[in-house]
């Protein structure tokens, strides 16, 4: 999330206090075509020794960030009346299942 904020600030012409953030490799390991990261898959890959603890952290942070973006957008839509409470609950439940891998 910090990396995304730093990139966004630079794109808007701002400077950042910690430019080292932009030199770090936050990339996620590739999965076979058609698969995406979720908590269950990340933990399995870590326990099998296929990814490092650092990469596990990046993956978990990334998928939580994706969930948060969906949840915040749904909250905004609910507050503005674009969706109903029931639609909100469905969106959140689906996003949670994708995040957790269940």
C-alpha atoms as a PDB file:
ATOM      1  CA  UNK A   1       0.000   0.000   0.000  1.00  0.00           C
ATOM      2  CA  UNK A   2       2.871   2.357   0.805  1.00  0.00           C
ATOM      3  CA  UNK A   3       4.405   1.618  -2.580  1.00  0.00           C
ATOM      4  CA  UNK A   4       1.143   2.450  -4.354  1.00  0.00           C
ATOM      5  CA  UNK A   5       0.813   5.689  -2.385  1.00  0.00           C
ATOM      6  CA  UNK A   6       4.398   6.642  -3.227  1.00  0.00           C
ATOM      7  CA  UNK A   7       3.850   5.927  -6.922  1.00  0.00           C
ATOM      8  CA  UNK A   8       0.633   7.957  -6.906  1.00  0.00           C
ATOM      9  CA  UNK A   9       2.324  10.904  -5.168  1.00  0.00           C
ATOM     10  CA  UNK A  10       5.154  10.928  -7.695  1.00  0.00           C
ATOM     11  CA  UNK A  11       2.704  10.772 -10.593  1.00  0.00           C
ATOM     12  CA  UNK A  12       1.025  13.886  -9.189  1.00  0.00           C
ATOM     13  CA  UNK A  13       4.362  15.715  -9.030  1.00  0.00           C
ATOM     14  CA  UNK A  14       4.984  15.360  -5.307  1.00  0.00           C
ATOM     15  CA  UNK A  15       8.198  14.124  -3.738  1.00  0.00           C
ATOM     16  CA  UNK A  16       8.434  11.404  -1.112  1.00  0.00           C
ATOM     17  CA  UNK A  17      10.590  11.344   2.004  1.00  0.00           C
ATOM     18  CA  UNK A  18      11.551   7.696   1.595  1.00  0.00           C
ATOM     19  CA  UNK A  19      12.578   7.134  -2.059  1.00  0.00           C
ATOM     20  CA  UNK A  20      14.045   3.755  -1.059  1.00  0.00           C
ATOM     21  CA  UNK A  21      10.461   2.462  -1.170  1.00  0.00           C
ATOM     22  CA  UNK A  22      10.569   2.722  -4.936  1.00  0.00           C
ATOM     23  CA  UNK A  23      13.693   0.578  -5.221  1.00  0.00           C
ATOM     24  CA  UNK A  24      12.338  -2.442  -3.359  1.00  0.00           C
ATOM     25  CA  UNK A  25      11.027  -5.452  -5.237  1.00  0.00           C
ATOM     26  CA  UNK A  26       7.419  -5.902  -4.154  1.00  0.00           C
ATOM     27  CA  UNK A  27       6.581  -8.165  -7.072  1.00  0.00           C
ATOM     28  CA  UNK A  28       4.553 -11.272  -6.407  1.00  0.00           C
ATOM     29  CA  UNK A  29       5.642 -14.721  -7.577  1.00  0.00           C
ATOM     30  CA  UNK A  30       3.836 -15.984 -10.658  1.00  0.00           C
ATOM     31  CA  UNK A  31       1.248 -18.711 -10.396  1.00  0.00           C
ATOM     32  CA  UNK A  32       0.167 -21.076 -13.161  1.00  0.00           C
ATOM     33  CA  UNK A  33      -2.130 -19.443 -15.728  1.00  0.00           C
ATOM     34  CA  UNK A  34      -5.683 -19.042 -14.519  1.00  0.00           C
ATOM     35  CA  UNK A  35      -4.806 -19.002 -10.818  1.00  0.00           C
ATOM     36  CA  UNK A  36      -4.620 -15.957  -8.563  1.00  0.00           C
ATOM     37  CA  UNK A  37      -3.193 -15.455  -5.107  1.00  0.00           C
ATOM     38  CA  UNK A  38      -5.350 -15.862  -2.027  1.00  0.00           C
ATOM     39  CA  UNK A  39      -4.490 -16.518   1.605  1.00  0.00           C
ATOM     40  CA  UNK A  40      -5.011 -20.272   1.409  1.00  0.00           C
ATOM     41  CA  UNK A  41      -2.823 -20.658  -1.691  1.00  0.00           C
ATOM     42  CA  UNK A  42      -0.115 -18.350  -0.300  1.00  0.00           C
ATOM     43  CA  UNK A  43       0.107 -20.235   2.988  1.00  0.00           C
ATOM     44  CA  UNK A  44       0.305 -23.564   1.166  1.00  0.00           C
ATOM     45  CA  UNK A  45       3.117 -22.299  -1.084  1.00  0.00           C
ATOM     46  CA  UNK A  46       4.990 -20.949   1.934  1.00  0.00           C
ATOM     47  CA  UNK A  47       4.680 -24.195   3.898  1.00  0.00           C
ATOM     48  CA  UNK A  48       5.842 -26.154   0.852  1.00  0.00           C
ATOM     49  CA  UNK A  49       8.948 -23.950   0.715  1.00  0.00           C
ATOM     50  CA  UNK A  50       8.073 -22.431  -2.664  1.00  0.00           C
ATOM     51  CA  UNK A  51       8.041 -18.819  -1.440  1.00  0.00           C
ATOM     52  CA  UNK A  52       9.956 -16.947   1.226  1.00  0.00           C
ATOM     53  CA  UNK A  53       8.444 -15.385   4.310  1.00  0.00           C
ATOM     54  CA  UNK A  54       9.059 -11.955   2.750  1.00  0.00           C
ATOM     55  CA  UNK A  55       7.150 -12.894  -0.424  1.00  0.00           C
ATOM     56  CA  UNK A  56       4.387 -14.390   1.720  1.00  0.00           C
ATOM     57  CA  UNK A  57       4.083 -11.031   3.457  1.00  0.00           C
ATOM     58  CA  UNK A  58       3.909  -9.211   0.122  1.00  0.00           C
ATOM     59  CA  UNK A  59       1.219 -11.576  -1.127  1.00  0.00           C
ATOM     60  CA  UNK A  60      -0.876 -11.304   2.022  1.00  0.00           C
ATOM     61  CA  UNK A  61      -0.565  -7.514   2.015  1.00  0.00           C
ATOM     62  CA  UNK A  62      -1.521  -7.336  -1.656  1.00  0.00           C
ATOM     63  CA  UNK A  63      -4.623  -9.495  -1.379  1.00  0.00           C
ATOM     64  CA  UNK A  64      -5.734  -7.683   1.775  1.00  0.00           C
ATOM     65  CA  UNK A  65      -5.252  -4.391  -0.066  1.00  0.00           C
ATOM     66  CA  UNK A  66      -7.403  -5.691  -2.940  1.00  0.00           C
ATOM     67  CA  UNK A  67     -10.116  -6.702  -0.465  1.00  0.00           C
ATOM     68  CA  UNK A  68      -9.962  -3.316   1.248  1.00  0.00           C
ATOM     69  CA  UNK A  69     -10.388  -1.466  -2.051  1.00  0.00           C
ATOM     70  CA  UNK A  70     -13.506  -3.511  -2.820  1.00  0.00           C
ATOM     71  CA  UNK A  71     -14.901  -3.063   0.695  1.00  0.00           C
ATOM     72  CA  UNK A  72     -14.356   0.705   0.731  1.00  0.00           C
ATOM     73  CA  UNK A  73     -15.956   1.113  -2.698  1.00  0.00           C
ATOM     74  CA  UNK A  74     -18.936  -0.972  -1.561  1.00  0.00           C
ATOM     75  CA  UNK A  75     -19.252   1.109   1.612  1.00  0.00           C
ATOM     76  CA  UNK A  76     -19.265   4.294  -0.477  1.00  0.00           C
ATOM     77  CA  UNK A  77     -21.880   2.830  -2.815  1.00  0.00           C
ATOM     78  CA  UNK A  78     -24.035   1.795   0.136  1.00  0.00           C
ATOM     79  CA  UNK A  79     -23.743   5.207   1.778  1.00  0.00           C
ATOM     80  CA  UNK A  80     -24.668   6.985  -1.452  1.00  0.00           C
ATOM     81  CA  UNK A  81     -27.616   4.683  -2.114  1.00  0.00           C
ATOM     82  CA  UNK A  82     -26.150   3.111  -5.263  1.00  0.00           C
ATOM     83  CA  UNK A  83     -26.545  -0.354  -3.742  1.00  0.00           C
ATOM     84  CA  UNK A  84     -28.771  -1.900  -1.099  1.00  0.00           C
ATOM     85  CA  UNK A  85     -27.685  -3.392   2.196  1.00  0.00           C
ATOM     86  CA  UNK A  86     -28.232  -6.863   0.753  1.00  0.00           C
ATOM     87  CA  UNK A  87     -26.090  -6.077  -2.320  1.00  0.00           C
ATOM     88  CA  UNK A  88     -23.399  -4.720  -0.012  1.00  0.00           C
ATOM     89  CA  UNK A  89     -23.383  -7.929   2.028  1.00  0.00           C
ATOM     90  CA  UNK A  90     -23.056 -10.036  -1.137  1.00  0.00           C
ATOM     91  CA  UNK A  91     -20.147  -7.939  -2.436  1.00  0.00           C
ATOM     92  CA  UNK A  92     -18.313  -8.163   0.893  1.00  0.00           C
ATOM     93  CA  UNK A  93     -18.906 -11.908   1.219  1.00  0.00           C
ATOM     94  CA  UNK A  94     -17.667 -12.576  -2.317  1.00  0.00           C
ATOM     95  CA  UNK A  95     -14.584 -10.406  -1.800  1.00  0.00           C
ATOM     96  CA  UNK A  96     -13.867 -12.190   1.485  1.00  0.00           C
ATOM     97  CA  UNK A  97     -14.072 -15.597  -0.167  1.00  0.00           C
ATOM     98  CA  UNK A  98     -11.666 -14.481  -2.916  1.00  0.00           C
ATOM     99  CA  UNK A  99      -9.273 -13.035  -0.309  1.00  0.00           C
ATOM    100  CA  UNK A 100      -9.273 -16.154   1.828  1.00  0.00           C
ATOM    101  CA  UNK A 101      -9.423 -18.645  -1.042  1.00  0.00           C
ATOM    102  CA  UNK A 102     -12.477 -20.508   0.112  1.00  0.00           C
END
